[in-house]
Amino acid sequence: MRIQGARLVLRPIEPSEIDAEWQEMVNADPMARGGPVAEDDFKARLARSGEMHDGWLDLAIELDGTLIGRIQTFVPPERKTPAGVFTIGIGLRKALRGHGHGREAMTLLTSWLFTEAAAAVVQAPTDPENIAMRAVFERIGWRLTETFEEFGRTWVTYSITRPQWEGLQKQR
């Protein structure tokens, strides 16, 4: 699997990159993480990167041949997700934030989910204080749809439906 954008490529994570991605997860800003993640489960998930597995799909975000982050679909713990609904998470290396890479990666995966994975809705949670991520969602046409409590924290969810996405693509 390979999703090519103007500057970025979304591709499977290579086995040699898994340990570094684990360290990125361990050191990630708590604002960007949900609950605890077991190392073995995380590494096993990344080992099947590039393949959709029970709603989970992990991909590397590559810029000019360099891994700059990770984007994935995931199934939120203890919350049922209806068929056709995909939840996205993203993490970029801190030094590469603020350059439009998150927006491009989110746009690429959203488009792929609607065209190739039969998505009806694509959604993503974030911390209400994560202004940069909220700006990304709004710039690509997603809307705030929910506020909820999980892991002892408040989260907001942004989402977009297939008809909304298709309407935006016609305007571009």
C-alpha atoms as a PDB file:
ATOM      1  CA  MET A   1       0.000   0.000   0.000  1.00  0.00           C
ATOM      2  CA  ARG A   2       1.294   3.428  -0.936  1.00  0.00           C
ATOM      3  CA  ILE A   3      -0.638   6.696  -0.956  1.00  0.00           C
ATOM      4  CA  GLN A   4       1.212   9.421  -2.831  1.00  0.00           C
ATOM      5  CA  GLY A   5       0.561  13.093  -2.149  1.00  0.00           C
ATOM      6  CA  ALA A   6       2.084  16.329  -3.406  1.00  0.00           C
ATOM      7  CA  ARG A   7       4.901  16.183  -0.824  1.00  0.00           C
ATOM      8  CA  LEU A   8       4.199  13.151   1.318  1.00  0.00           C
ATOM      9  CA  VAL A   9       3.937   9.411   0.919  1.00  0.00           C
ATOM     10  CA  LEU A  10       1.881   7.261   3.277  1.00  0.00           C
ATOM     11  CA  ARG A  11       3.400   3.790   3.247  1.00  0.00           C
ATOM     12  CA  PRO A  12       3.866   0.710   5.444  1.00  0.00           C
ATOM     13  CA  ILE A  13       6.226   1.097   8.373  1.00  0.00           C
ATOM     14  CA  GLU A  14       9.376  -0.918   7.786  1.00  0.00           C
ATOM     15  CA  PRO A  15      10.491  -3.450  10.421  1.00  0.00           C
ATOM     16  CA  SER A  16      13.661  -1.426  11.031  1.00  0.00           C
ATOM     17  CA  GLU A  17      11.488   1.607  11.976  1.00  0.00           C
ATOM     18  CA  ILE A  18       9.298  -0.080  14.595  1.00  0.00           C
ATOM     19  CA  ASP A  19      11.569   0.484  17.616  1.00  0.00           C
ATOM     20  CA  ALA A  20      11.930   4.185  16.767  1.00  0.00           C
ATOM     21  CA  GLU A  21       8.147   4.478  16.447  1.00  0.00           C
ATOM     22  CA  TRP A  22       7.751   2.877  19.867  1.00  0.00           C
ATOM     23  CA  GLN A  23      10.124   5.486  21.322  1.00  0.00           C
ATOM     24  CA  GLU A  24       8.114   8.247  19.629  1.00  0.00           C
ATOM     25  CA  MET A  25       4.962   6.832  21.252  1.00  0.00           C
ATOM     26  CA  VAL A  26       6.610   6.645  24.684  1.00  0.00           C
ATOM     27  CA  ASN A  27       7.872  10.233  24.390  1.00  0.00           C
ATOM     28  CA  ALA A  28       4.733  11.689  22.778  1.00  0.00           C
ATOM     29  CA  ASP A  29       3.063  14.681  24.338  1.00  0.00           C
ATOM     30  CA  PRO A  30       0.390  13.352  26.719  1.00  0.00           C
ATOM     31  CA  MET A  31      -2.051  15.749  25.017  1.00  0.00           C
ATOM     32  CA  ALA A  32      -1.790  13.615  21.879  1.00  0.00           C
ATOM     33  CA  ARG A  33      -2.218  10.221  23.528  1.00  0.00           C
ATOM     34  CA  GLY A  34      -5.163   8.373  24.920  1.00  0.00           C
ATOM     35  CA  GLY A  35      -4.664   5.671  27.486  1.00  0.00           C
ATOM     36  CA  PRO A  36      -1.722   3.392  28.105  1.00  0.00           C
ATOM     37  CA  VAL A  37      -0.287   1.361  25.238  1.00  0.00           C
ATOM     38  CA  ALA A  38       1.366  -2.016  25.702  1.00  0.00           C
ATOM     39  CA  GLU A  39       4.722  -2.215  23.918  1.00  0.00           C
ATOM     40  CA  ASP A  40       4.209  -5.745  22.572  1.00  0.00           C
ATOM     41  CA  ASP A  41       0.738  -4.908  21.215  1.00  0.00           C
ATOM     42  CA  PHE A  42       2.004  -1.696  19.631  1.00  0.00           C
ATOM     43  CA  LYS A  43       4.953  -3.396  17.938  1.00  0.00           C
ATOM     44  CA  ALA A  44       2.787  -6.301  16.729  1.00  0.00           C
ATOM     45  CA  ARG A  45       0.372  -3.791  15.213  1.00  0.00           C
ATOM     46  CA  LEU A  46       3.173  -1.970  13.416  1.00  0.00           C
ATOM     47  CA  ALA A  47       4.550  -5.287  12.145  1.00  0.00           C
ATOM     48  CA  ARG A  48       1.407  -5.617  10.005  1.00  0.00           C
ATOM     49  CA  SER A  49       1.564  -2.001   8.886  1.00  0.00           C
ATOM     50  CA  GLY A  50       0.013  -1.316   5.511  1.00  0.00           C
ATOM     51  CA  GLU A  51      -2.771  -3.864   6.023  1.00  0.00           C
ATOM     52  CA  MET A  52      -6.238  -3.063   7.368  1.00  0.00           C
ATOM     53  CA  HIS A  53      -6.818  -5.434  10.296  1.00  0.00           C
ATOM     54  CA  ASP A  54     -10.060  -5.261  12.317  1.00  0.00           C
ATOM     55  CA  GLY A  55     -10.323  -1.508  11.752  1.00  0.00           C
ATOM     56  CA  TRP A  56      -6.630  -0.842  12.420  1.00  0.00           C
ATOM     57  CA  LEU A  57      -4.275   0.463   9.728  1.00  0.00           C
ATOM     58  CA  ASP A  58      -0.854   1.933  10.532  1.00  0.00           C
ATOM     59  CA  LEU A  59       1.168   3.898   7.990  1.00  0.00           C
ATOM     60  CA  ALA A  60       4.412   5.837   7.978  1.00  0.00           C
ATOM     61  CA  ILE A  61       4.374   9.467   6.877  1.00  0.00           C
ATOM     62  CA  GLU A  62       7.391  10.016   4.660  1.00  0.00           C
ATOM     63  CA  LEU A  63       8.804  13.314   3.349  1.00  0.00           C
ATOM     64  CA  ASP A  64      11.663  13.217   0.839  1.00  0.00           C
ATOM     65  CA  GLY A  65      12.538   9.650   1.844  1.00  0.00           C
ATOM     66  CA  THR A  66      12.530  10.404   5.594  1.00  0.00           C
ATOM     67  CA  LEU A  67      10.030   9.070   8.121  1.00  0.00           C
ATOM     68  CA  ILE A  68       8.449  12.101   9.804  1.00  0.00           C
ATOM     69  CA  GLY A  69       5.554  10.492  11.641  1.00  0.00           C
ATOM     70  CA  ARG A  70       2.788   7.968  11.702  1.00  0.00           C
ATOM     71  CA  ILE A  71      -0.905   7.993  10.840  1.00  0.00           C
ATOM     72  CA  GLN A  72      -3.383   5.262  11.607  1.00  0.00           C
ATOM     73  CA  THR A  73      -6.960   4.194  11.834  1.00  0.00           C
ATOM     74  CA  PHE A  74      -7.832   2.621  15.153  1.00  0.00           C
ATOM     75  CA  VAL A  75     -10.742   1.233  17.105  1.00  0.00           C
ATOM     76  CA  PRO A  76     -11.359   3.246  20.276  1.00  0.00           C
ATOM     77  CA  PRO A  77     -11.271   1.054  23.375  1.00  0.00           C
ATOM     78  CA  GLU A  78     -14.589   0.195  24.953  1.00  0.00           C
ATOM     79  CA  ARG A  79     -16.585   2.135  22.340  1.00  0.00           C
ATOM     80  CA  LYS A  80     -18.446   0.383  19.547  1.00  0.00           C
ATOM     81  CA  THR A  81     -17.746   1.854  16.124  1.00  0.00           C
ATOM     82  CA  PRO A  82     -20.402   1.180  13.467  1.00  0.00           C
ATOM     83  CA  ALA A  83     -19.391  -0.389  10.156  1.00  0.00           C
ATOM     84  CA  GLY A  84     -18.065   2.227   7.753  1.00  0.00           C
ATOM     85  CA  VAL A  85     -16.835   4.546  10.525  1.00  0.00           C
ATOM     86  CA  PHE A  86     -13.064   4.969  10.772  1.00  0.00           C
ATOM     87  CA  THR A  87     -11.187   6.780  13.539  1.00  0.00           C
ATOM     88  CA  ILE A  88      -7.833   8.384  12.700  1.00  0.00           C
ATOM     89  CA  GLY A  89      -4.840   9.270  14.851  1.00  0.00           C
ATOM     90  CA  ILE A  90      -1.681  11.050  13.732  1.00  0.00           C
ATOM     91  CA  GLY A  91       1.706  11.888  15.193  1.00  0.00           C
ATOM     92  CA  LEU A  92       4.364  14.030  13.529  1.00  0.00           C
ATOM     93  CA  ARG A  93       7.912  14.650  14.682  1.00  0.00           C
ATOM     94  CA  LYS A  94       7.866  17.857  16.685  1.00  0.00           C
ATOM     95  CA  ALA A  95      10.378  19.677  14.461  1.00  0.00           C
ATOM     96  CA  LEU A  96       8.198  19.081  11.394  1.00  0.00           C
ATOM     97  CA  ARG A  97       4.897  20.366  12.752  1.00  0.00           C
ATOM     98  CA  GLY A  98       3.440  23.585  11.437  1.00  0.00           C
ATOM     99  CA  HIS A  99       4.458  23.028   7.805  1.00  0.00           C
ATOM    100  CA  GLY A 100       1.203  21.562   6.469  1.00  0.00           C
ATOM    101  CA  HIS A 101       2.360  17.948   6.694  1.00  0.00           C
ATOM    102  CA  GLY A 102      -0.390  16.959   9.131  1.00  0.00           C
ATOM    103  CA  ARG A 103      -3.009  18.526   6.910  1.00  0.00           C
ATOM    104  CA  GLU A 104      -1.683  16.720   3.831  1.00  0.00           C
ATOM    105  CA  ALA A 105      -1.430  13.361   5.603  1.00  0.00           C
ATOM    106  CA  MET A 106      -4.949  13.674   7.040  1.00  0.00           C
ATOM    107  CA  THR A 107      -6.309  14.643   3.623  1.00  0.00           C
ATOM    108  CA  LEU A 108      -4.575  11.715   1.909  1.00  0.00           C
ATOM    109  CA  LEU A 109      -5.815   9.118   4.392  1.00  0.00           C
ATOM    110  CA  THR A 110      -9.335  10.583   4.520  1.00  0.00           C
ATOM    111  CA  SER A 111      -9.593  10.461   0.739  1.00  0.00           C
ATOM    112  CA  TRP A 112      -8.246   6.900   0.633  1.00  0.00           C
ATOM    113  CA  LEU A 113     -10.716   5.741   3.299  1.00  0.00           C
ATOM    114  CA  PHE A 114     -13.652   7.130   1.334  1.00  0.00           C
ATOM    115  CA  THR A 115     -12.502   5.834  -2.054  1.00  0.00           C
ATOM    116  CA  GLU A 116     -10.848   2.520  -1.146  1.00  0.00           C
ATOM    117  CA  ALA A 117     -12.183   1.394   2.244  1.00  0.00           C
ATOM    118  CA  ALA A 118     -15.900   2.195   1.809  1.00  0.00           C
ATOM    119  CA  ALA A 119     -15.897   4.681   4.678  1.00  0.00           C
ATOM    120  CA  ALA A 120     -19.176   6.412   5.454  1.00  0.00           C
ATOM    121  CA  VAL A 121     -17.678   8.617   8.190  1.00  0.00           C
ATOM    122  CA  VAL A 122     -14.113   9.460   9.145  1.00  0.00           C
ATOM    123  CA  GLN A 123     -13.520  10.877  12.618  1.00  0.00           C
ATOM    124  CA  ALA A 124     -10.709  11.736  14.999  1.00  0.00           C
ATOM    125  CA  PRO A 125     -10.510  12.675  18.671  1.00  0.00           C
ATOM    126  CA  THR A 126      -8.166  15.300  20.048  1.00  0.00           C
ATOM    127  CA  ASP A 127      -7.551  17.174  23.245  1.00  0.00           C
ATOM    128  CA  PRO A 128      -9.652  20.368  23.319  1.00  0.00           C
ATOM    129  CA  GLU A 129      -6.435  22.338  23.947  1.00  0.00           C
ATOM    130  CA  ASN A 130      -4.728  20.941  20.829  1.00  0.00           C
ATOM    131  CA  ILE A 131      -5.354  24.082  18.774  1.00  0.00           C
ATOM    132  CA  ALA A 132      -3.001  23.023  15.961  1.00  0.00           C
ATOM    133  CA  MET A 133      -4.837  19.730  15.378  1.00  0.00           C
ATOM    134  CA  ARG A 134      -8.215  21.416  15.604  1.00  0.00           C
ATOM    135  CA  ALA A 135      -7.051  23.889  12.940  1.00  0.00           C
ATOM    136  CA  VAL A 136      -6.009  20.993  10.676  1.00  0.00           C
ATOM    137  CA  PHE A 137      -9.463  19.425  10.973  1.00  0.00           C
ATOM    138  CA  GLU A 138     -11.208  22.692  10.203  1.00  0.00           C
ATOM    139  CA  ARG A 139      -8.952  23.471   7.221  1.00  0.00           C
ATOM    140  CA  ILE A 140      -9.723  20.134   5.585  1.00  0.00           C
ATOM    141  CA  GLY A 141     -13.457  20.501   6.133  1.00  0.00           C
ATOM    142  CA  TRP A 142     -14.099  18.369   9.205  1.00  0.00           C
ATOM    143  CA  ARG A 143     -16.507  19.612  11.866  1.00  0.00           C
ATOM    144  CA  LEU A 144     -16.641  19.348  15.651  1.00  0.00           C
ATOM    145  CA  THR A 145     -19.259  16.682  16.374  1.00  0.00           C
ATOM    146  CA  GLU A 146     -18.789  15.447  19.934  1.00  0.00           C
ATOM    147  CA  THR A 147     -17.256  16.085  23.332  1.00  0.00           C
ATOM    148  CA  PHE A 148     -16.713  13.081  25.613  1.00  0.00           C
ATOM    149  CA  GLU A 149     -14.830  11.838  28.661  1.00  0.00           C
ATOM    150  CA  GLU A 150     -12.346   8.967  28.409  1.00  0.00           C
ATOM    151  CA  PHE A 151      -9.162   8.031  30.295  1.00  0.00           C
ATOM    152  CA  GLY A 152     -10.121  10.641  32.901  1.00  0.00           C
ATOM    153  CA  ARG A 153      -9.921  13.442  30.321  1.00  0.00           C
ATOM    154  CA  THR A 154     -12.162  15.479  28.087  1.00  0.00           C
ATOM    155  CA  TRP A 155     -11.821  14.912  24.333  1.00  0.00           C
ATOM    156  CA  VAL A 156     -13.432  16.486  21.293  1.00  0.00           C
ATOM    157  CA  THR A 157     -14.207  14.572  18.113  1.00  0.00           C
ATOM    158  CA  TYR A 158     -14.090  16.015  14.625  1.00  0.00           C
ATOM    159  CA  SER A 159     -15.641  14.128  11.726  1.00  0.00           C
ATOM    160  CA  ILE A 160     -16.692  14.264   8.097  1.00  0.00           C
ATOM    161  CA  THR A 161     -19.171  12.165   6.132  1.00  0.00           C
ATOM    162  CA  ARG A 162     -18.718  10.798   2.640  1.00  0.00           C
ATOM    163  CA  PRO A 163     -21.235  13.292   1.101  1.00  0.00           C
ATOM    164  CA  GLN A 164     -19.529  16.211   2.878  1.00  0.00           C
ATOM    165  CA  TRP A 165     -16.100  15.054   1.647  1.00  0.00           C
ATOM    166  CA  GLU A 166     -17.316  14.540  -1.920  1.00  0.00           C
ATOM    167  CA  GLY A 167     -18.886  18.014  -1.894  1.00  0.00           C
ATOM    168  CA  LEU A 168     -15.600  19.564  -0.773  1.00  0.00           C
ATOM    169  CA  GLN A 169     -13.658  17.693  -3.474  1.00  0.00           C
ATOM    170  CA  LYS A 170     -15.972  19.073  -6.165  1.00  0.00           C
ATOM    171  CA  GLN A 171     -15.308  22.611  -4.900  1.00  0.00           C
ATOM    172  CA  ARG A 172     -11.516  22.208  -5.109  1.00  0.00           C
END
